[in-house]
Amino acid sequence: MEKIILKSITASIIAVSVLMSCKKDDNHYSSINSITADVENGAIWEEYVDFVYAFIGKNVGNRMQLEIVAEEPYDKGSFKINLHSNIDNSYLQPLQDGENTNFPEWIKISDKTAMATTTLFLLGANSEDFTGRFYQEKEFEEGDNFKHSYSYSTTDYLYVNKDVSLKGSLSQDSAFNVGILKYKVQFKEVADISLKKGWNIIYSTTKVDLKKRGNDVTGTISYKESTQKVDGLKWYYNLEDDLVSYEKSVISKKLNFNKSETILKIETKTFKNTE
């Protein structure tokens, strides 16, 4: 339970993504054009998933425009998504742009004319409706009653229209209470990354190192996102998670899920929030 609380705290405070990679990989990293996934316990989800849909979105005022950029069958617990190599400019936005910014102002961007999509998200669907979300994760934990240390990594997929680098760092102290526990935590964020034109894999890693003495909890929480590969990540399926519930509210319910029909063209499909 304590770890769940800490994850929630971490996610709430580190709300803006920060990208980071190691310089030694800059000359070797390249963009990708597909996603191949073997899902953990994948066969049990065949009852709920016939197809996998890849979406991107764009904030337009108080609306979210969503687009299906790929759709592939889910077969024997696995899938392969082929990604569009060129995304229409109407679905790109600046990396830093006021309220809708992808990255905070303390990050220095090498080319501020570079544009990006929102991160890609992958939903599963049967013949009637969306049923859940696919994601990658790796988790490591060690600790006891007095020390709570763990890390977890996930991935995001981001399209940019040109090569661009992002650099910066931020460190801040925070004090807050969770029930009877009193936290004094240092949060660290770093950006040092080179994105390539096209689709990029972003490996996000959060490390928590906290010590508990009585009701006092102290330590550090660090966050980084990098193009340097994280080994050991696995694909999972989350049936009817909160993200899917939200996305259902902004995706047209008039989608045709006929297995013989493909929905791929960005130019002809735009789904808007009607709320």
Protein backbone atom coordinates (compact mmCIF):
# COMPACT_ATOMS: atom_id res chain seq x y z
CA MET A 1 0.00 0.00 0.00
CA GLU A 2 2.83 2.40 0.86
CA LYS A 3 4.41 1.84 -2.55
CA ILE A 4 1.11 2.60 -4.30
CA ILE A 5 0.84 5.87 -2.35
CA LEU A 6 4.40 6.80 -3.28
CA LYS A 7 3.78 6.09 -6.96
CA SER A 8 0.71 8.29 -6.85
CA ILE A 9 2.68 11.09 -5.19
CA THR A 10 5.47 10.78 -7.73
CA ALA A 11 3.08 10.87 -10.67
CA SER A 12 1.27 13.90 -9.28
CA ILE A 13 4.36 15.99 -8.61
CA ILE A 14 6.31 15.03 -11.72
CA ALA A 15 3.50 15.86 -14.11
CA VAL A 16 5.55 17.20 -17.01
CA SER A 17 7.73 14.81 -18.99
CA VAL A 18 11.46 15.51 -19.12
CA LEU A 19 13.63 13.76 -21.67
CA MET A 20 17.13 12.45 -21.02
CA SER A 21 19.67 10.29 -22.84
CA CYS A 22 23.38 9.49 -22.63
CA LYS A 23 25.71 11.23 -25.10
CA LYS A 24 27.43 7.98 -25.96
CA ASP A 25 24.22 6.79 -27.65
CA ASP A 26 23.49 9.96 -29.64
CA ASN A 27 25.31 8.79 -32.77
CA HIS A 28 23.79 5.30 -32.68
CA TYR A 29 20.16 5.99 -31.93
CA SER A 30 17.70 6.05 -34.84
CA SER A 31 13.96 6.50 -35.20
CA ILE A 32 11.62 3.51 -35.48
CA ASN A 33 8.82 2.58 -37.89
CA SER A 34 7.03 -0.22 -36.04
CA ILE A 35 6.18 -1.65 -32.61
CA THR A 36 6.26 -5.41 -31.99
CA ALA A 37 4.82 -6.75 -28.73
CA ASP A 38 4.52 -10.14 -27.08
CA VAL A 39 2.11 -9.48 -24.23
CA GLU A 40 2.53 -11.11 -20.81
CA ASN A 41 -0.18 -13.77 -20.41
CA GLY A 42 -1.35 -12.51 -23.78
CA ALA A 43 -3.60 -15.44 -24.62
CA ILE A 44 -6.05 -14.65 -21.83
CA TRP A 45 -6.83 -11.26 -23.44
CA GLU A 46 -7.97 -12.76 -26.76
CA GLU A 47 -11.48 -12.86 -25.33
CA TYR A 48 -11.41 -9.05 -25.04
CA VAL A 49 -9.14 -7.93 -27.89
CA ASP A 50 -9.49 -8.47 -31.64
CA PHE A 51 -7.62 -5.38 -32.81
CA VAL A 52 -5.01 -2.94 -31.50
CA TYR A 53 -5.48 0.76 -32.32
CA ALA A 54 -2.70 3.36 -32.13
CA PHE A 55 -3.84 6.94 -31.41
CA ILE A 56 -2.32 10.39 -31.29
CA GLY A 57 -4.11 13.52 -30.12
CA LYS A 58 -3.89 17.28 -30.28
CA ASN A 59 -5.17 19.92 -27.88
CA VAL A 60 -7.23 22.51 -29.75
CA GLY A 61 -8.58 25.05 -27.27
CA ASN A 62 -10.66 23.02 -24.83
CA ARG A 63 -10.98 20.11 -27.25
CA MET A 64 -8.92 17.01 -27.86
CA GLN A 65 -8.73 15.89 -31.46
CA LEU A 66 -7.85 12.22 -31.78
CA GLU A 67 -6.65 10.21 -34.74
CA ILE A 68 -6.17 6.54 -35.42
CA VAL A 69 -2.72 6.27 -37.00
CA ALA A 70 -2.56 2.47 -37.14
CA GLU A 71 -4.80 -0.56 -36.64
CA GLU A 72 -3.59 -4.16 -36.58
CA PRO A 73 -5.02 -7.53 -35.46
CA TYR A 74 -4.26 -9.01 -32.05
CA ASP A 75 -3.23 -12.63 -32.57
CA LYS A 76 -2.06 -15.28 -30.09
CA GLY A 77 -1.09 -12.74 -27.48
CA SER A 78 0.97 -10.49 -29.74
CA PHE A 79 0.72 -7.68 -32.27
CA LYS A 80 2.82 -5.57 -34.63
CA ILE A 81 1.97 -1.92 -35.30
CA ASN A 82 3.40 -0.24 -38.41
CA LEU A 83 3.69 3.51 -37.83
CA HIS A 84 3.21 6.26 -40.40
CA SER A 85 6.54 7.75 -41.40
CA ASN A 86 5.02 11.20 -42.02
CA ILE A 87 2.41 12.81 -39.78
CA ASP A 88 0.19 15.61 -41.04
CA ASN A 89 1.29 19.02 -39.75
CA SER A 90 -2.13 19.65 -38.20
CA TYR A 91 -1.27 17.04 -35.56
CA LEU A 92 2.08 18.56 -34.63
CA GLN A 93 2.67 21.15 -31.92
CA PRO A 94 5.72 23.01 -30.57
CA LEU A 95 7.80 21.29 -27.92
CA GLN A 96 7.33 24.39 -25.75
CA ASP A 97 4.13 26.35 -26.19
CA GLY A 98 2.57 27.88 -23.08
CA GLU A 99 -0.14 25.79 -21.43
CA ASN A 100 0.05 23.00 -24.01
CA THR A 101 3.82 22.59 -23.78
CA ASN A 102 5.33 19.12 -23.90
CA PHE A 103 8.42 20.27 -22.00
CA PRO A 104 8.94 22.92 -19.28
CA GLU A 105 10.75 26.18 -19.96
CA TRP A 106 13.93 25.25 -18.07
CA ILE A 107 14.76 22.72 -20.79
CA LYS A 108 16.89 24.19 -23.58
CA ILE A 109 15.78 23.07 -27.03
CA SER A 110 18.29 23.12 -29.89
CA ASP A 111 15.71 24.03 -32.53
CA LYS A 112 12.50 25.67 -31.33
CA THR A 113 10.90 25.24 -34.75
CA ALA A 114 10.77 21.47 -34.15
CA MET A 115 7.25 20.08 -33.81
CA ALA A 116 5.96 16.91 -32.15
CA THR A 117 2.84 14.84 -31.67
CA THR A 118 1.39 13.88 -28.34
CA THR A 119 2.72 10.56 -27.15
CA LEU A 120 1.22 7.50 -28.81
CA PHE A 121 -1.23 5.34 -26.88
CA LEU A 122 -2.36 1.81 -27.75
CA LEU A 123 -5.90 0.60 -27.07
CA GLY A 124 -7.38 -2.84 -27.52
CA ALA A 125 -10.87 -3.35 -28.92
CA ASN A 126 -13.29 -6.16 -29.67
CA SER A 127 -16.10 -6.05 -32.24
CA GLU A 128 -18.13 -3.65 -30.07
CA ASP A 129 -15.94 -1.33 -28.03
CA PHE A 130 -12.53 -0.42 -26.61
CA THR A 131 -11.65 -2.71 -23.73
CA GLY A 132 -8.26 -1.67 -22.36
CA ARG A 133 -4.73 -0.32 -22.89
CA PHE A 134 -1.37 -1.86 -23.79
CA TYR A 135 1.78 -0.59 -22.04
CA GLN A 136 5.39 -1.53 -21.27
CA GLU A 137 6.85 -1.64 -17.78
CA LYS A 138 9.74 -2.92 -15.73
CA GLU A 139 9.72 -2.84 -11.94
CA PHE A 140 12.45 -3.45 -9.39
CA GLU A 141 12.04 -3.30 -5.63
CA GLU A 142 14.11 -3.76 -2.54
CA GLY A 143 13.73 -2.52 1.00
CA ASP A 144 12.40 -3.22 4.46
CA ASN A 145 10.33 -1.44 7.11
CA PHE A 146 12.91 1.32 7.45
CA LYS A 147 14.10 1.76 3.86
CA HIS A 148 11.90 1.86 0.77
CA SER A 149 13.90 1.80 -2.48
CA TYR A 150 12.61 0.86 -5.89
CA SER A 151 12.57 1.91 -9.50
CA TYR A 152 10.19 1.39 -12.38
CA SER A 153 10.48 2.09 -16.08
CA THR A 154 7.90 2.61 -18.81
CA THR A 155 7.95 3.68 -22.46
CA ASP A 156 6.37 6.39 -24.59
CA TYR A 157 6.41 6.80 -28.37
CA LEU A 158 6.82 10.32 -29.75
CA TYR A 159 6.98 11.64 -33.33
CA VAL A 160 9.09 14.73 -34.20
CA ASN A 161 9.40 16.37 -37.62
CA LYS A 162 13.16 17.00 -37.38
CA ASP A 163 16.22 16.09 -35.33
CA VAL A 164 16.28 18.03 -32.07
CA SER A 165 18.11 17.91 -28.73
CA LEU A 166 16.83 18.87 -25.27
CA LYS A 167 19.03 19.70 -22.28
CA GLY A 168 18.49 20.93 -18.73
CA SER A 169 18.20 19.98 -15.08
CA LEU A 170 16.05 20.82 -12.08
CA SER A 171 16.22 19.95 -8.39
CA GLN A 172 13.76 20.98 -5.69
CA ASP A 173 12.84 20.06 -2.14
CA SER A 174 9.29 19.29 -1.10
CA ALA A 175 7.58 18.68 2.24
CA PHE A 176 4.12 17.14 2.53
CA ASN A 177 2.03 14.79 4.66
CA VAL A 178 0.30 11.54 3.76
CA GLY A 179 -1.85 10.50 6.70
CA ILE A 180 0.39 10.42 9.75
CA LEU A 181 3.58 10.24 7.66
CA LYS A 182 5.64 13.41 7.18
CA TYR A 183 7.69 13.51 3.97
CA LYS A 184 10.76 15.62 3.20
CA VAL A 185 11.84 14.65 -0.29
CA GLN A 186 14.25 15.99 -2.90
CA PHE A 187 13.00 15.69 -6.48
CA LYS A 188 15.51 15.58 -9.34
CA GLU A 189 14.84 15.88 -13.06
CA VAL A 190 17.35 15.93 -15.92
CA ALA A 191 17.07 16.42 -19.69
CA ASP A 192 19.88 15.42 -22.06
CA ILE A 193 18.48 13.81 -25.19
CA SER A 194 18.66 13.76 -28.96
CA LEU A 195 15.46 12.92 -30.81
CA LYS A 196 15.58 11.84 -34.44
CA LYS A 197 13.08 12.77 -37.14
CA GLY A 198 10.26 10.22 -37.06
CA TRP A 199 9.02 8.02 -34.21
CA ASN A 200 11.18 7.72 -31.08
CA ILE A 201 11.05 5.38 -28.10
CA ILE A 202 11.32 7.26 -24.81
CA TYR A 203 12.34 5.15 -21.80
CA SER A 204 11.00 6.74 -18.61
CA THR A 205 12.56 5.70 -15.30
CA THR A 206 11.59 6.82 -11.80
CA LYS A 207 13.86 5.93 -8.89
CA VAL A 208 12.64 6.21 -5.31
CA ASP A 209 15.05 6.01 -2.37
CA LEU A 210 13.28 6.77 0.91
CA LYS A 211 14.06 6.02 4.54
CA LYS A 212 11.43 5.85 7.26
CA ARG A 213 12.16 6.63 10.91
CA GLY A 214 9.06 6.79 13.03
CA ASN A 215 6.58 8.93 11.14
CA ASP A 216 9.32 10.82 9.25
CA VAL A 217 10.19 9.84 5.69
CA THR A 218 13.20 11.37 3.92
CA GLY A 219 15.08 10.70 0.70
CA THR A 220 15.14 11.38 -3.02
CA ILE A 221 12.93 10.73 -6.02
CA SER A 222 14.59 11.08 -9.41
CA TYR A 223 12.99 11.02 -12.83
CA LYS A 224 14.49 10.70 -16.29
CA GLU A 225 13.42 9.87 -19.80
CA SER A 226 15.98 8.61 -22.27
CA THR A 227 16.52 7.08 -25.66
CA GLN A 228 19.09 4.80 -24.05
CA LYS A 229 17.44 1.37 -24.07
CA VAL A 230 16.20 -0.07 -20.78
CA ASP A 231 16.43 -3.87 -20.79
CA GLY A 232 13.81 -6.11 -19.22
CA LEU A 233 10.69 -4.16 -20.16
CA LYS A 234 7.59 -6.30 -20.76
CA TRP A 235 4.28 -5.64 -22.47
CA TYR A 236 1.07 -5.79 -20.41
CA TYR A 237 -2.64 -5.24 -20.98
CA ASN A 238 -4.75 -3.27 -18.52
CA LEU A 239 -8.43 -4.08 -18.92
CA GLU A 240 -10.67 -0.96 -18.72
CA ASP A 241 -8.12 1.33 -17.07
CA ASP A 242 -8.81 4.98 -16.30
CA LEU A 243 -7.13 6.18 -19.49
CA VAL A 244 -9.49 4.13 -21.64
CA SER A 245 -12.50 5.50 -19.74
CA TYR A 246 -11.29 9.02 -20.53
CA GLU A 247 -10.45 8.29 -24.16
CA LYS A 248 -13.89 6.79 -24.73
CA SER A 249 -15.34 10.22 -23.94
CA VAL A 250 -13.39 11.85 -26.79
CA ILE A 251 -13.37 9.10 -29.42
CA SER A 252 -16.34 8.85 -31.72
CA LYS A 253 -18.57 5.90 -30.84
CA LYS A 254 -19.43 5.63 -34.54
CA LEU A 255 -16.18 3.83 -35.35
CA ASN A 256 -16.78 0.82 -37.58
CA PHE A 257 -15.07 -2.20 -36.03
CA ASN A 258 -15.71 -4.45 -39.03
CA LYS A 259 -12.68 -6.74 -39.22
CA SER A 260 -12.50 -6.36 -42.99
CA GLU A 261 -12.20 -2.58 -42.78
CA THR A 262 -9.01 -0.71 -41.98
CA ILE A 263 -8.91 2.81 -40.51
CA LEU A 264 -5.57 4.36 -41.33
CA LYS A 265 -5.87 7.66 -43.20
CA ILE A 266 -4.98 10.63 -41.05
CA GLU A 267 -6.42 13.10 -43.57
CA THR A 268 -9.96 11.74 -43.39
CA LYS A 269 -10.48 10.88 -39.73
CA THR A 270 -10.83 13.46 -36.97
CA PHE A 271 -12.67 12.71 -33.74
CA LYS A 272 -13.58 15.59 -31.44
CA ASN A 273 -14.74 15.84 -27.88
CA THR A 274 -18.41 16.88 -27.97
CA GLU A 275 -18.54 17.86 -24.31
